[in-house]
Amino acid sequence: MQTINDISALLINVIRAGLGFRVIYCCIQLMMADEEQGMYKRRIKNSIIAVVVNELVWVIKDLVISYF
């Protein structure tokens, strides 16, 4: 069971870091590209939604594992 928790913790951190870097990259591109601002704003919004969904999945996984 410890191995599953270690893998879960690693995946959580990798996904958070990746999405964080994506938001930072999109913010930098948003400052530079005037005509493509709508696209980068949409990408930032989708990345934030992905973070929320990711966190909900891990919370539900933890609840299911602790229940059984």
N, C-alpha and C. Protein backbone atom coordinates (compact mmCIF):
# COMPACT_ATOMS: atom_id res chain seq x y z
N MET A 1 0.82 -1.19 0.00
CA MET A 1 0.00 0.00 0.00
C MET A 1 0.86 1.26 0.00
N GLN A 2 2.04 1.16 0.60
CA GLN A 2 2.94 2.31 0.65
C GLN A 2 3.42 2.68 -0.75
N THR A 3 3.61 1.68 -1.61
CA THR A 3 4.06 1.95 -2.97
C THR A 3 3.02 2.74 -3.75
N ILE A 4 1.76 2.39 -3.59
CA ILE A 4 0.68 3.10 -4.28
C ILE A 4 0.64 4.55 -3.81
N ASN A 5 0.80 4.78 -2.53
CA ASN A 5 0.80 6.15 -2.01
C ASN A 5 1.99 6.95 -2.52
N ASP A 6 3.15 6.29 -2.64
CA ASP A 6 4.33 6.98 -3.17
C ASP A 6 4.14 7.35 -4.63
N ILE A 7 3.60 6.43 -5.42
CA ILE A 7 3.35 6.71 -6.84
C ILE A 7 2.31 7.81 -6.98
N SER A 8 1.27 7.78 -6.16
CA SER A 8 0.24 8.82 -6.21
C SER A 8 0.82 10.19 -5.87
N ALA A 9 1.65 10.23 -4.84
CA ALA A 9 2.26 11.51 -4.45
C ALA A 9 3.17 12.04 -5.56
N LEU A 10 3.91 11.14 -6.20
CA LEU A 10 4.77 11.56 -7.31
C LEU A 10 3.95 12.09 -8.47
N LEU A 11 2.89 11.39 -8.83
CA LEU A 11 2.04 11.84 -9.94
C LEU A 11 1.38 13.18 -9.64
N ILE A 12 0.93 13.35 -8.42
CA ILE A 12 0.30 14.62 -8.04
C ILE A 12 1.28 15.77 -8.23
N ASN A 13 2.50 15.58 -7.76
CA ASN A 13 3.50 16.65 -7.86
C ASN A 13 3.91 16.92 -9.30
N VAL A 14 4.04 15.87 -10.10
CA VAL A 14 4.43 16.05 -11.50
C VAL A 14 3.33 16.78 -12.27
N ILE A 15 2.08 16.40 -12.04
CA ILE A 15 0.96 17.05 -12.74
C ILE A 15 0.83 18.50 -12.31
N ARG A 16 0.95 18.77 -11.01
CA ARG A 16 0.87 20.15 -10.53
C ARG A 16 1.98 21.00 -11.14
N ALA A 17 3.19 20.47 -11.16
CA ALA A 17 4.32 21.22 -11.70
C ALA A 17 4.13 21.47 -13.20
N GLY A 18 3.70 20.45 -13.92
CA GLY A 18 3.50 20.61 -15.36
C GLY A 18 2.44 21.63 -15.68
N LEU A 19 1.33 21.58 -14.98
CA LEU A 19 0.28 22.55 -15.23
C LEU A 19 0.68 23.95 -14.76
N GLY A 20 1.47 24.02 -13.71
CA GLY A 20 1.97 25.32 -13.27
C GLY A 20 2.89 25.95 -14.31
N PHE A 21 3.78 25.13 -14.87
CA PHE A 21 4.66 25.64 -15.93
C PHE A 21 3.87 26.02 -17.17
N ARG A 22 2.79 25.29 -17.45
CA ARG A 22 1.97 25.63 -18.62
C ARG A 22 1.29 26.98 -18.42
N VAL A 23 0.80 27.24 -17.21
CA VAL A 23 0.16 28.53 -16.94
C VAL A 23 1.19 29.66 -17.04
N ILE A 24 2.39 29.43 -16.51
CA ILE A 24 3.44 30.45 -16.60
C ILE A 24 3.81 30.71 -18.05
N TYR A 25 3.96 29.65 -18.84
CA TYR A 25 4.29 29.79 -20.26
C TYR A 25 3.19 30.56 -21.00
N CYS A 26 1.94 30.22 -20.72
CA CYS A 26 0.83 30.92 -21.38
C CYS A 26 0.77 32.38 -20.97
N CYS A 27 1.09 32.68 -19.71
CA CYS A 27 1.10 34.09 -19.27
C CYS A 27 2.19 34.87 -19.99
N ILE A 28 3.35 34.25 -20.15
CA ILE A 28 4.43 34.93 -20.87
C ILE A 28 4.04 35.16 -22.33
N GLN A 29 3.46 34.14 -22.97
CA GLN A 29 3.02 34.28 -24.35
C GLN A 29 1.89 35.30 -24.46
N LEU A 30 1.05 35.37 -23.45
CA LEU A 30 -0.06 36.33 -23.44
C LEU A 30 0.46 37.77 -23.46
N MET A 31 1.57 38.01 -22.79
CA MET A 31 2.15 39.35 -22.78
C MET A 31 2.78 39.70 -24.12
N MET A 32 3.27 38.70 -24.84
CA MET A 32 3.98 38.97 -26.09
C MET A 32 3.08 38.98 -27.33
N ALA A 33 2.07 38.13 -27.35
CA ALA A 33 1.24 37.99 -28.56
C ALA A 33 -0.04 38.79 -28.39
N ASP A 34 -0.17 39.86 -29.16
CA ASP A 34 -1.36 40.70 -29.05
C ASP A 34 -2.57 40.08 -29.73
N GLU A 35 -2.38 39.51 -30.91
CA GLU A 35 -3.52 39.01 -31.67
C GLU A 35 -4.00 37.63 -31.20
N GLU A 36 -3.20 36.94 -30.39
CA GLU A 36 -3.58 35.60 -29.93
C GLU A 36 -3.92 35.57 -28.46
N GLN A 37 -4.37 36.67 -27.90
CA GLN A 37 -4.65 36.73 -26.47
C GLN A 37 -5.80 35.82 -26.07
N GLY A 38 -6.82 35.74 -26.91
CA GLY A 38 -7.97 34.91 -26.59
C GLY A 38 -7.60 33.45 -26.45
N MET A 39 -6.71 32.99 -27.33
CA MET A 39 -6.29 31.60 -27.30
C MET A 39 -5.52 31.29 -26.00
N TYR A 40 -4.62 32.17 -25.61
CA TYR A 40 -3.83 31.92 -24.40
C TYR A 40 -4.66 32.06 -23.13
N LYS A 41 -5.63 32.96 -23.13
CA LYS A 41 -6.54 33.05 -21.98
C LYS A 41 -7.35 31.77 -21.83
N ARG A 42 -7.79 31.22 -22.96
CA ARG A 42 -8.54 29.97 -22.93
C ARG A 42 -7.66 28.82 -22.43
N ARG A 43 -6.41 28.81 -22.85
CA ARG A 43 -5.49 27.77 -22.40
C ARG A 43 -5.22 27.87 -20.90
N ILE A 44 -5.09 29.09 -20.39
CA ILE A 44 -4.89 29.27 -18.95
C ILE A 44 -6.12 28.79 -18.19
N LYS A 45 -7.30 29.15 -18.69
CA LYS A 45 -8.54 28.72 -18.03
C LYS A 45 -8.64 27.19 -18.03
N ASN A 46 -8.32 26.56 -19.16
CA ASN A 46 -8.38 25.11 -19.24
C ASN A 46 -7.36 24.45 -18.33
N SER A 47 -6.20 25.05 -18.17
CA SER A 47 -5.18 24.50 -17.27
C SER A 47 -5.65 24.58 -15.82
N ILE A 48 -6.28 25.68 -15.44
CA ILE A 48 -6.80 25.81 -14.08
C ILE A 48 -7.92 24.81 -13.83
N ILE A 49 -8.77 24.59 -14.82
CA ILE A 49 -9.82 23.58 -14.69
C ILE A 49 -9.20 22.19 -14.53
N ALA A 50 -8.12 21.92 -15.27
CA ALA A 50 -7.44 20.63 -15.16
C ALA A 50 -6.85 20.43 -13.77
N VAL A 51 -6.32 21.50 -13.17
CA VAL A 51 -5.79 21.40 -11.80
C VAL A 51 -6.91 21.04 -10.82
N VAL A 52 -8.06 21.69 -10.96
CA VAL A 52 -9.18 21.42 -10.06
C VAL A 52 -9.67 19.98 -10.22
N VAL A 53 -9.83 19.53 -11.45
CA VAL A 53 -10.27 18.16 -11.69
C VAL A 53 -9.25 17.16 -11.16
N ASN A 54 -7.98 17.46 -11.36
CA ASN A 54 -6.91 16.59 -10.87
C ASN A 54 -6.98 16.46 -9.35
N GLU A 55 -7.15 17.55 -8.66
CA GLU A 55 -7.23 17.51 -7.20
C GLU A 55 -8.46 16.74 -6.74
N LEU A 56 -9.58 16.92 -7.43
CA LEU A 56 -10.79 16.18 -7.05
C LEU A 56 -10.61 14.67 -7.24
N VAL A 57 -9.93 14.28 -8.30
CA VAL A 57 -9.70 12.85 -8.55
C VAL A 57 -8.87 12.24 -7.43
N TRP A 58 -7.83 12.96 -7.01
CA TRP A 58 -6.98 12.40 -5.96
C TRP A 58 -7.72 12.35 -4.62
N VAL A 59 -8.56 13.33 -4.34
CA VAL A 59 -9.34 13.31 -3.10
C VAL A 59 -10.32 12.14 -3.11
N ILE A 60 -10.98 11.92 -4.23
CA ILE A 60 -11.92 10.80 -4.34
C ILE A 60 -11.18 9.47 -4.21
N LYS A 61 -9.99 9.36 -4.83
CA LYS A 61 -9.19 8.14 -4.71
C LYS A 61 -8.84 7.87 -3.25
N ASP A 62 -8.42 8.90 -2.53
CA ASP A 62 -8.07 8.73 -1.12
C ASP A 62 -9.27 8.33 -0.29
N LEU A 63 -10.44 8.91 -0.58
CA LEU A 63 -11.65 8.53 0.15
C LEU A 63 -12.03 7.08 -0.11
N VAL A 64 -11.93 6.64 -1.34
CA VAL A 64 -12.27 5.25 -1.68
C VAL A 64 -11.30 4.28 -1.00
N ILE A 65 -10.01 4.60 -1.05
CA ILE A 65 -9.02 3.71 -0.44
C ILE A 65 -9.21 3.67 1.08
N SER A 66 -9.48 4.79 1.70
CA SER A 66 -9.66 4.79 3.15
C SER A 66 -10.97 4.11 3.58
N TYR A 67 -11.96 4.14 2.67
CA TYR A 67 -13.24 3.49 2.99
C TYR A 67 -13.10 1.98 2.99
N PHE A 68 -12.38 1.46 2.01
CA PHE A 68 -12.20 0.01 1.92
C PHE A 68 -10.97 -0.37 2.67
